[in-house]
Amino acid sequence: MLEVGNGGMTDAEYVTHFSLWAISKAPLLIGCDVTNMSAATLATLTNPEVIAVNQDPLGIQGKKVAFASSQLPNTSTEILVTNCSLSSSVMDPRRAQWNVNQDGSIRSPINDKCLSVMNCNASEGATVVLTECHVNDPQAQCQGLNQEWTLTAMDETVILQSSAKW
């Protein structure tokens, strides 16, 4: 049962609970007393972006994409992308593909954006995002070094060239 607003959880836990229901394509039926809900509960239950995920016209549940940090000393962070294959009738097959370019960038074939380490932070737990490509651009954030990757031949591991991590 969707428990947002029924008591016993923090607002952050309610947001997480509601988001998990939305991404799993579960019915979003309000389970609390709507005459006594708080402003935070109302904001959670009416979040248009979360509702849009739930009401996506393809009707497909979210798929796991995990960024896992190693707990061992002197090891680098791994980026794991799983469950990228769906029936071609429901998903553009390019969503499961990446283009590795000679300039060191890894680009999405859908929008040609580059895989980038956010805020030039290549430490453990850093965030990897898709952004406009600025490889080797001295005027860009990190001078574009946060978008230069090496793909190892042995196991196809992706490594950020500027830090030798990932």
N, C-alpha and C. Protein backbone atom coordinates (compact mmCIF):
# COMPACT_ATOMS: atom_id res chain seq x y z
N MET A 1 0.83 -1.18 0.00
CA MET A 1 0.00 0.00 0.00
C MET A 1 0.88 1.24 0.00
N LEU A 2 0.49 2.25 -0.76
CA LEU A 2 1.22 3.52 -0.78
C LEU A 2 0.99 4.21 0.57
N GLU A 3 2.06 4.37 1.34
CA GLU A 3 1.96 4.81 2.73
C GLU A 3 2.29 6.28 2.95
N VAL A 4 2.46 7.05 1.90
CA VAL A 4 2.85 8.45 2.04
C VAL A 4 1.81 9.19 2.86
N GLY A 5 2.26 9.81 3.97
CA GLY A 5 1.38 10.61 4.80
C GLY A 5 0.69 9.88 5.93
N ASN A 6 0.95 8.59 6.08
CA ASN A 6 0.28 7.82 7.14
C ASN A 6 1.02 7.85 8.47
N GLY A 7 2.16 8.49 8.53
CA GLY A 7 2.93 8.56 9.77
C GLY A 7 3.94 7.44 9.87
N GLY A 8 4.98 7.68 10.63
CA GLY A 8 5.99 6.66 10.86
C GLY A 8 7.23 6.78 9.99
N MET A 9 7.21 7.67 9.00
CA MET A 9 8.39 7.86 8.15
C MET A 9 8.72 9.34 8.06
N THR A 10 9.97 9.63 7.73
CA THR A 10 10.38 11.01 7.50
C THR A 10 9.89 11.44 6.12
N ASP A 11 9.93 12.74 5.85
CA ASP A 11 9.53 13.23 4.53
C ASP A 11 10.42 12.64 3.44
N ALA A 12 11.73 12.50 3.72
CA ALA A 12 12.64 11.91 2.73
C ALA A 12 12.27 10.46 2.45
N GLU A 13 11.88 9.73 3.48
CA GLU A 13 11.45 8.33 3.29
C GLU A 13 10.16 8.27 2.48
N TYR A 14 9.25 9.21 2.71
CA TYR A 14 8.02 9.26 1.91
C TYR A 14 8.32 9.54 0.44
N VAL A 15 9.23 10.45 0.19
CA VAL A 15 9.62 10.76 -1.19
C VAL A 15 10.20 9.52 -1.86
N THR A 16 11.06 8.81 -1.14
CA THR A 16 11.65 7.58 -1.67
C THR A 16 10.57 6.53 -1.92
N HIS A 17 9.68 6.36 -0.98
CA HIS A 17 8.60 5.38 -1.11
C HIS A 17 7.74 5.69 -2.34
N PHE A 18 7.34 6.95 -2.49
CA PHE A 18 6.51 7.36 -3.63
C PHE A 18 7.26 7.18 -4.95
N SER A 19 8.55 7.53 -4.96
CA SER A 19 9.35 7.39 -6.17
C SER A 19 9.49 5.94 -6.59
N LEU A 20 9.69 5.05 -5.63
CA LEU A 20 9.80 3.62 -5.96
C LEU A 20 8.49 3.08 -6.52
N TRP A 21 7.37 3.52 -5.98
CA TRP A 21 6.08 3.11 -6.53
C TRP A 21 5.94 3.62 -7.96
N ALA A 22 6.35 4.86 -8.20
CA ALA A 22 6.21 5.45 -9.53
C ALA A 22 7.07 4.72 -10.55
N ILE A 23 8.32 4.44 -10.21
CA ILE A 23 9.22 3.81 -11.17
C ILE A 23 8.84 2.35 -11.43
N SER A 24 8.14 1.73 -10.48
CA SER A 24 7.71 0.35 -10.68
C SER A 24 6.37 0.26 -11.40
N LYS A 25 5.83 1.41 -11.79
CA LYS A 25 4.56 1.49 -12.52
C LYS A 25 3.38 0.98 -11.70
N ALA A 26 3.47 1.05 -10.38
CA ALA A 26 2.37 0.64 -9.50
C ALA A 26 1.28 1.71 -9.53
N PRO A 27 0.04 1.33 -9.25
CA PRO A 27 -1.03 2.34 -9.18
C PRO A 27 -0.75 3.33 -8.05
N LEU A 28 -0.90 4.60 -8.33
CA LEU A 28 -0.64 5.63 -7.33
C LEU A 28 -1.96 6.04 -6.66
N LEU A 29 -2.38 5.23 -5.72
CA LEU A 29 -3.62 5.48 -4.98
C LEU A 29 -3.25 6.04 -3.62
N ILE A 30 -3.76 7.22 -3.30
CA ILE A 30 -3.43 7.86 -2.03
C ILE A 30 -4.02 7.04 -0.89
N GLY A 31 -3.17 6.69 0.08
CA GLY A 31 -3.59 5.84 1.18
C GLY A 31 -3.68 6.55 2.51
N CYS A 32 -3.60 7.89 2.49
CA CYS A 32 -3.67 8.63 3.75
C CYS A 32 -4.96 9.45 3.79
N ASP A 33 -5.22 10.05 4.92
CA ASP A 33 -6.38 10.91 5.10
C ASP A 33 -6.10 12.23 4.38
N VAL A 34 -6.75 12.46 3.25
CA VAL A 34 -6.46 13.65 2.45
C VAL A 34 -6.94 14.94 3.12
N THR A 35 -7.83 14.83 4.09
CA THR A 35 -8.31 16.04 4.78
C THR A 35 -7.32 16.54 5.82
N ASN A 36 -6.34 15.70 6.19
CA ASN A 36 -5.37 16.09 7.22
C ASN A 36 -3.92 15.97 6.76
N MET A 37 -3.66 15.91 5.47
CA MET A 37 -2.27 15.73 5.03
C MET A 37 -1.48 17.03 5.14
N SER A 38 -0.19 16.87 5.39
CA SER A 38 0.71 18.02 5.52
C SER A 38 1.06 18.58 4.13
N ALA A 39 1.64 19.76 4.13
CA ALA A 39 2.08 20.37 2.87
C ALA A 39 3.16 19.51 2.21
N ALA A 40 4.04 18.92 3.02
CA ALA A 40 5.10 18.06 2.48
C ALA A 40 4.51 16.82 1.82
N THR A 41 3.48 16.24 2.44
CA THR A 41 2.81 15.07 1.86
C THR A 41 2.14 15.44 0.55
N LEU A 42 1.44 16.57 0.54
CA LEU A 42 0.79 17.03 -0.69
C LEU A 42 1.81 17.27 -1.79
N ALA A 43 2.94 17.89 -1.45
CA ALA A 43 3.99 18.14 -2.45
C ALA A 43 4.54 16.83 -2.99
N THR A 44 4.73 15.85 -2.13
CA THR A 44 5.23 14.54 -2.57
C THR A 44 4.24 13.86 -3.51
N LEU A 45 2.98 13.84 -3.13
CA LEU A 45 1.96 13.13 -3.91
C LEU A 45 1.58 13.84 -5.21
N THR A 46 1.93 15.11 -5.35
CA THR A 46 1.57 15.85 -6.56
C THR A 46 2.79 16.24 -7.38
N ASN A 47 3.95 15.64 -7.11
CA ASN A 47 5.17 15.97 -7.85
C ASN A 47 4.98 15.57 -9.31
N PRO A 48 4.92 16.55 -10.22
CA PRO A 48 4.62 16.23 -11.62
C PRO A 48 5.69 15.38 -12.31
N GLU A 49 6.96 15.54 -11.93
CA GLU A 49 8.02 14.76 -12.57
C GLU A 49 7.93 13.29 -12.18
N VAL A 50 7.63 13.01 -10.92
CA VAL A 50 7.51 11.63 -10.46
C VAL A 50 6.26 10.99 -11.06
N ILE A 51 5.18 11.72 -11.10
CA ILE A 51 3.96 11.20 -11.71
C ILE A 51 4.17 10.92 -13.19
N ALA A 52 4.94 11.77 -13.87
CA ALA A 52 5.23 11.56 -15.29
C ALA A 52 6.00 10.26 -15.51
N VAL A 53 6.89 9.91 -14.60
CA VAL A 53 7.61 8.63 -14.70
C VAL A 53 6.60 7.48 -14.62
N ASN A 54 5.68 7.58 -13.68
CA ASN A 54 4.68 6.53 -13.50
C ASN A 54 3.74 6.43 -14.69
N GLN A 55 3.41 7.55 -15.28
CA GLN A 55 2.42 7.59 -16.35
C GLN A 55 3.04 7.58 -17.75
N ASP A 56 4.30 7.24 -17.86
CA ASP A 56 4.98 7.19 -19.16
C ASP A 56 4.18 6.34 -20.13
N PRO A 57 3.97 6.82 -21.36
CA PRO A 57 3.10 6.11 -22.29
C PRO A 57 3.59 4.71 -22.69
N LEU A 58 4.87 4.44 -22.58
CA LEU A 58 5.36 3.10 -22.91
C LEU A 58 4.93 2.08 -21.86
N GLY A 59 4.66 2.53 -20.65
CA GLY A 59 4.20 1.62 -19.60
C GLY A 59 5.24 0.62 -19.15
N ILE A 60 6.50 0.96 -19.26
CA ILE A 60 7.59 0.04 -18.90
C ILE A 60 8.16 0.42 -17.54
N GLN A 61 8.34 -0.57 -16.67
CA GLN A 61 8.96 -0.32 -15.37
C GLN A 61 10.39 0.15 -15.56
N GLY A 62 10.89 0.86 -14.56
CA GLY A 62 12.29 1.28 -14.57
C GLY A 62 13.22 0.08 -14.52
N LYS A 63 14.39 0.24 -15.08
CA LYS A 63 15.42 -0.81 -15.07
C LYS A 63 16.58 -0.38 -14.20
N LYS A 64 17.22 -1.30 -13.59
CA LYS A 64 18.31 -1.02 -12.67
C LYS A 64 19.52 -0.48 -13.41
N VAL A 65 20.00 0.65 -12.94
CA VAL A 65 21.28 1.22 -13.37
C VAL A 65 22.01 1.55 -12.08
N ALA A 66 23.13 0.91 -11.83
CA ALA A 66 23.79 1.07 -10.54
C ALA A 66 25.19 1.64 -10.71
N PHE A 67 25.55 2.52 -9.81
CA PHE A 67 26.90 3.03 -9.71
C PHE A 67 27.43 2.49 -8.39
N ALA A 68 28.36 1.55 -8.44
CA ALA A 68 28.81 0.87 -7.23
C ALA A 68 30.23 1.28 -6.88
N SER A 69 30.44 1.66 -5.64
CA SER A 69 31.78 1.99 -5.15
C SER A 69 32.39 0.77 -4.48
N SER A 70 33.65 0.57 -4.74
CA SER A 70 34.36 -0.52 -4.08
C SER A 70 34.61 -0.12 -2.63
N GLN A 71 34.49 -1.07 -1.73
CA GLN A 71 34.76 -0.82 -0.32
C GLN A 71 36.20 -1.19 0.06
N LEU A 72 36.96 -1.65 -0.92
CA LEU A 72 38.34 -2.06 -0.66
C LEU A 72 39.28 -0.88 -0.84
N PRO A 73 40.32 -0.78 -0.01
CA PRO A 73 41.28 0.32 -0.18
C PRO A 73 42.07 0.17 -1.48
N ASN A 74 42.49 1.30 -2.02
CA ASN A 74 43.32 1.34 -3.23
C ASN A 74 42.66 0.71 -4.45
N THR A 75 41.35 0.76 -4.53
CA THR A 75 40.66 0.28 -5.71
C THR A 75 39.83 1.42 -6.28
N SER A 76 39.54 1.32 -7.55
CA SER A 76 38.77 2.38 -8.19
C SER A 76 37.29 2.03 -8.20
N THR A 77 36.49 3.03 -8.48
CA THR A 77 35.05 2.85 -8.54
C THR A 77 34.67 2.20 -9.86
N GLU A 78 33.70 1.29 -9.81
CA GLU A 78 33.19 0.66 -11.01
C GLU A 78 31.89 1.32 -11.42
N ILE A 79 31.65 1.42 -12.71
CA ILE A 79 30.37 1.87 -13.21
C ILE A 79 29.70 0.66 -13.83
N LEU A 80 28.56 0.27 -13.30
CA LEU A 80 27.84 -0.88 -13.79
C LEU A 80 26.54 -0.42 -14.42
N VAL A 81 26.28 -0.81 -15.64
CA VAL A 81 25.01 -0.52 -16.29
C VAL A 81 24.42 -1.86 -16.66
N THR A 82 23.24 -2.14 -16.12
CA THR A 82 22.63 -3.44 -16.34
C THR A 82 21.23 -3.29 -16.89
N ASN A 83 20.70 -4.39 -17.36
CA ASN A 83 19.33 -4.45 -17.87
C ASN A 83 19.07 -3.40 -18.95
N CYS A 84 19.99 -3.26 -19.88
CA CYS A 84 19.82 -2.27 -20.94
C CYS A 84 19.09 -2.84 -22.15
N SER A 85 18.80 -4.12 -22.16
CA SER A 85 18.17 -4.70 -23.33
C SER A 85 16.68 -4.86 -23.11
N LEU A 86 15.93 -4.26 -23.99
CA LEU A 86 14.48 -4.40 -24.01
C LEU A 86 14.07 -4.75 -25.43
N SER A 87 12.88 -5.21 -25.60
CA SER A 87 12.37 -5.53 -26.92
C SER A 87 12.48 -4.30 -27.82
N SER A 88 12.94 -4.49 -29.04
CA SER A 88 13.10 -3.36 -29.95
C SER A 88 11.76 -2.72 -30.29
N SER A 89 10.67 -3.42 -30.05
CA SER A 89 9.36 -2.83 -30.33
C SER A 89 8.97 -1.79 -29.30
N VAL A 90 9.61 -1.81 -28.13
CA VAL A 90 9.26 -0.84 -27.09
C VAL A 90 10.38 0.13 -26.76
N MET A 91 11.56 -0.09 -27.29
CA MET A 91 12.66 0.79 -26.95
C MET A 91 13.54 1.03 -28.16
N ASP A 92 14.00 2.24 -28.30
CA ASP A 92 14.97 2.57 -29.34
C ASP A 92 16.25 1.79 -29.02
N PRO A 93 16.72 0.90 -29.90
CA PRO A 93 17.89 0.08 -29.60
C PRO A 93 19.15 0.90 -29.33
N ARG A 94 19.17 2.16 -29.76
CA ARG A 94 20.35 3.00 -29.52
C ARG A 94 20.53 3.32 -28.04
N ARG A 95 19.47 3.14 -27.22
CA ARG A 95 19.60 3.41 -25.79
C ARG A 95 20.56 2.44 -25.11
N ALA A 96 20.81 1.29 -25.71
CA ALA A 96 21.71 0.29 -25.14
C ALA A 96 23.09 0.34 -25.80
N GLN A 97 23.37 1.39 -26.56
CA GLN A 97 24.63 1.49 -27.28
C GLN A 97 25.37 2.77 -26.88
N TRP A 98 26.69 2.75 -27.04
CA TRP A 98 27.52 3.93 -26.81
C TRP A 98 28.54 4.00 -27.94
N ASN A 99 28.90 5.20 -28.34
CA ASN A 99 29.93 5.40 -29.35
C ASN A 99 31.21 5.85 -28.67
N VAL A 100 32.29 5.08 -28.87
CA VAL A 100 33.60 5.44 -28.34
C VAL A 100 34.35 6.13 -29.48
N ASN A 101 34.72 7.38 -29.26
CA ASN A 101 35.33 8.19 -30.31
C ASN A 101 36.83 8.32 -30.12
N GLN A 102 37.52 8.68 -31.20
CA GLN A 102 38.98 8.80 -31.14
C GLN A 102 39.44 9.93 -30.23
N ASP A 103 38.58 10.91 -29.97
CA ASP A 103 38.96 12.00 -29.08
C ASP A 103 38.89 11.60 -27.61
N GLY A 104 38.51 10.34 -27.32
CA GLY A 104 38.42 9.85 -25.95
C GLY A 104 37.04 9.97 -25.35
N SER A 105 36.11 10.55 -26.09
CA SER A 105 34.76 10.71 -25.55
C SER A 105 33.95 9.43 -25.77
N ILE A 106 32.99 9.25 -24.89
CA ILE A 106 32.00 8.18 -25.03
C ILE A 106 30.66 8.90 -25.16
N ARG A 107 29.99 8.70 -26.31
CA ARG A 107 28.80 9.49 -26.64
C ARG A 107 27.56 8.63 -26.81
N SER A 108 26.45 9.22 -26.45
CA SER A 108 25.16 8.59 -26.66
C SER A 108 24.78 8.75 -28.13
N PRO A 109 24.37 7.66 -28.81
CA PRO A 109 23.96 7.79 -30.21
C PRO A 109 22.62 8.50 -30.37
N ILE A 110 21.89 8.68 -29.28
CA ILE A 110 20.59 9.32 -29.36
C ILE A 110 20.72 10.84 -29.45
N ASN A 111 21.55 11.44 -28.58
CA ASN A 111 21.66 12.90 -28.56
C ASN A 111 23.09 13.39 -28.69
N ASP A 112 24.04 12.49 -28.89
CA ASP A 112 25.46 12.80 -29.08
C ASP A 112 26.07 13.51 -27.87
N LYS A 113 25.47 13.34 -26.70
CA LYS A 113 26.06 13.93 -25.49
C LYS A 113 27.14 13.00 -24.96
N CYS A 114 28.05 13.59 -24.18
CA CYS A 114 29.22 12.87 -23.68
C CYS A 114 29.04 12.37 -22.25
N LEU A 115 29.59 11.20 -21.99
CA LEU A 115 29.69 10.67 -20.64
C LEU A 115 30.71 11.54 -19.91
N SER A 116 30.30 12.13 -18.78
CA SER A 116 31.14 13.11 -18.08
C SER A 116 31.13 12.86 -16.58
N VAL A 117 32.26 13.14 -15.94
CA VAL A 117 32.31 13.12 -14.48
C VAL A 117 31.89 14.51 -14.02
N MET A 118 30.84 14.54 -13.22
CA MET A 118 30.26 15.81 -12.78
C MET A 118 31.21 16.58 -11.89
N ASN A 119 31.32 17.88 -12.11
CA ASN A 119 32.11 18.81 -11.30
C ASN A 119 33.58 18.44 -11.20
N CYS A 120 34.09 17.74 -12.19
CA CYS A 120 35.52 17.39 -12.24
C CYS A 120 35.97 16.53 -11.07
N ASN A 121 35.05 15.92 -10.38
CA ASN A 121 35.35 15.15 -9.18
C ASN A 121 35.41 13.67 -9.52
N ALA A 122 36.61 13.13 -9.65
CA ALA A 122 36.77 11.72 -9.99
C ALA A 122 37.04 10.86 -8.77
N SER A 123 36.68 11.35 -7.59
CA SER A 123 36.90 10.58 -6.37
C SER A 123 35.85 9.49 -6.24
N GLU A 124 36.02 8.64 -5.23
CA GLU A 124 35.04 7.59 -4.96
C GLU A 124 33.66 8.21 -4.80
N GLY A 125 32.67 7.63 -5.43
CA GLY A 125 31.31 8.10 -5.31
C GLY A 125 30.98 9.29 -6.18
N ALA A 126 31.85 9.65 -7.11
CA ALA A 126 31.57 10.77 -8.01
C ALA A 126 30.38 10.43 -8.90
N THR A 127 29.75 11.45 -9.44
CA THR A 127 28.58 11.26 -10.28
C THR A 127 28.95 11.33 -11.75
N VAL A 128 28.47 10.36 -12.52
CA VAL A 128 28.69 10.34 -13.96
C VAL A 128 27.38 10.73 -14.63
N VAL A 129 27.46 11.69 -15.56
CA VAL A 129 26.27 12.23 -16.21
C VAL A 129 26.51 12.35 -17.71
N LEU A 130 25.44 12.62 -18.46
CA LEU A 130 25.56 12.96 -19.87
C LEU A 130 25.45 14.47 -19.99
N THR A 131 26.43 15.09 -20.66
CA THR A 131 26.41 16.54 -20.86
C THR A 131 26.87 16.85 -22.28
N GLU A 132 26.76 18.13 -22.65
CA GLU A 132 27.28 18.57 -23.94
C GLU A 132 28.77 18.24 -23.99
N CYS A 133 29.26 17.88 -25.17
CA CYS A 133 30.66 17.47 -25.32
C CYS A 133 31.58 18.69 -25.46
N HIS A 134 32.64 18.69 -24.65
CA HIS A 134 33.66 19.74 -24.70
C HIS A 134 35.03 19.14 -24.50
N VAL A 135 35.31 18.03 -25.16
CA VAL A 135 36.59 17.34 -25.01
C VAL A 135 37.71 18.26 -25.50
N ASN A 136 38.76 18.38 -24.70
CA ASN A 136 39.93 19.21 -25.01
C ASN A 136 39.60 20.68 -25.21
N ASP A 137 38.54 21.16 -24.61
CA ASP A 137 38.16 22.56 -24.73
C ASP A 137 38.70 23.32 -23.52
N PRO A 138 39.70 24.20 -23.71
CA PRO A 138 40.29 24.90 -22.57
C PRO A 138 39.31 25.83 -21.85
N GLN A 139 38.21 26.19 -22.49
CA GLN A 139 37.22 27.07 -21.88
C GLN A 139 36.13 26.30 -21.13
N ALA A 140 36.09 24.98 -21.31
CA ALA A 140 35.03 24.17 -20.70
C ALA A 140 35.37 23.80 -19.26
N GLN A 141 34.34 23.35 -18.54
CA GLN A 141 34.55 22.85 -17.19
C GLN A 141 35.59 21.73 -17.24
N CYS A 142 36.56 21.77 -16.38
CA CYS A 142 37.66 20.78 -16.30
C CYS A 142 38.49 20.75 -17.58
N GLN A 143 38.38 21.77 -18.40
CA GLN A 143 39.03 21.80 -19.71
C GLN A 143 38.67 20.58 -20.56
N GLY A 144 37.52 19.99 -20.28
CA GLY A 144 37.04 18.83 -21.02
C GLY A 144 37.67 17.52 -20.60
N LEU A 145 38.55 17.55 -19.59
CA LEU A 145 39.22 16.33 -19.15
C LEU A 145 38.27 15.37 -18.46
N ASN A 146 37.12 15.86 -18.00
CA ASN A 146 36.14 15.00 -17.35
C ASN A 146 35.32 14.20 -18.36
N GLN A 147 35.68 14.33 -19.66
CA GLN A 147 34.97 13.62 -20.72
C GLN A 147 35.91 12.74 -21.55
N GLU A 148 37.15 12.60 -21.12
CA GLU A 148 38.12 11.80 -21.86
C GLU A 148 38.30 10.46 -21.17
N TRP A 149 37.98 9.40 -21.89
CA TRP A 149 37.97 8.05 -21.35
C TRP A 149 38.89 7.14 -22.16
N THR A 150 39.33 6.07 -21.53
CA THR A 150 40.09 5.02 -22.19
C THR A 150 39.31 3.72 -22.01
N LEU A 151 39.20 2.97 -23.07
CA LEU A 151 38.54 1.67 -23.01
C LEU A 151 39.63 0.61 -23.09
N THR A 152 39.81 -0.18 -22.03
CA THR A 152 40.88 -1.17 -22.03
C THR A 152 40.51 -2.32 -22.96
N ALA A 153 41.49 -2.83 -23.65
CA ALA A 153 41.26 -3.90 -24.63
C ALA A 153 40.97 -5.23 -23.96
N MET A 154 41.58 -5.48 -22.81
CA MET A 154 41.47 -6.79 -22.18
C MET A 154 40.04 -7.08 -21.71
N ASP A 155 39.46 -6.16 -20.91
CA ASP A 155 38.13 -6.45 -20.36
C ASP A 155 37.12 -5.34 -20.65
N GLU A 156 37.48 -4.40 -21.52
CA GLU A 156 36.63 -3.28 -21.91
C GLU A 156 36.19 -2.44 -20.72
N THR A 157 37.07 -2.29 -19.73
CA THR A 157 36.84 -1.41 -18.61
C THR A 157 36.97 0.03 -19.11
N VAL A 158 36.12 0.91 -18.58
CA VAL A 158 36.17 2.32 -18.94
C VAL A 158 36.92 3.06 -17.84
N ILE A 159 37.95 3.83 -18.22
CA ILE A 159 38.79 4.54 -17.26
C ILE A 159 38.86 6.01 -17.65
N LEU A 160 38.67 6.91 -16.68
CA LEU A 160 38.82 8.34 -16.93
C LEU A 160 40.30 8.63 -17.09
N GLN A 161 40.69 9.19 -18.24
CA GLN A 161 42.11 9.37 -18.56
C GLN A 161 42.82 10.27 -17.55
N SER A 162 42.17 11.32 -17.06
CA SER A 162 42.84 12.28 -16.19
C SER A 162 43.10 11.77 -14.78
N SER A 163 42.43 10.69 -14.37
CA SER A 163 42.61 10.23 -13.01
C SER A 163 42.95 8.75 -12.90
N ALA A 164 42.86 8.02 -13.99
CA ALA A 164 43.07 6.57 -14.01
C ALA A 164 42.10 5.85 -13.10
N LYS A 165 40.93 6.44 -12.86
CA LYS A 165 39.88 5.80 -12.06
C LYS A 165 38.72 5.46 -12.95
N TRP A 166 37.94 4.52 -12.47
CA TRP A 166 36.69 4.08 -13.05
C TRP A 166 37.01 3.06 -14.07
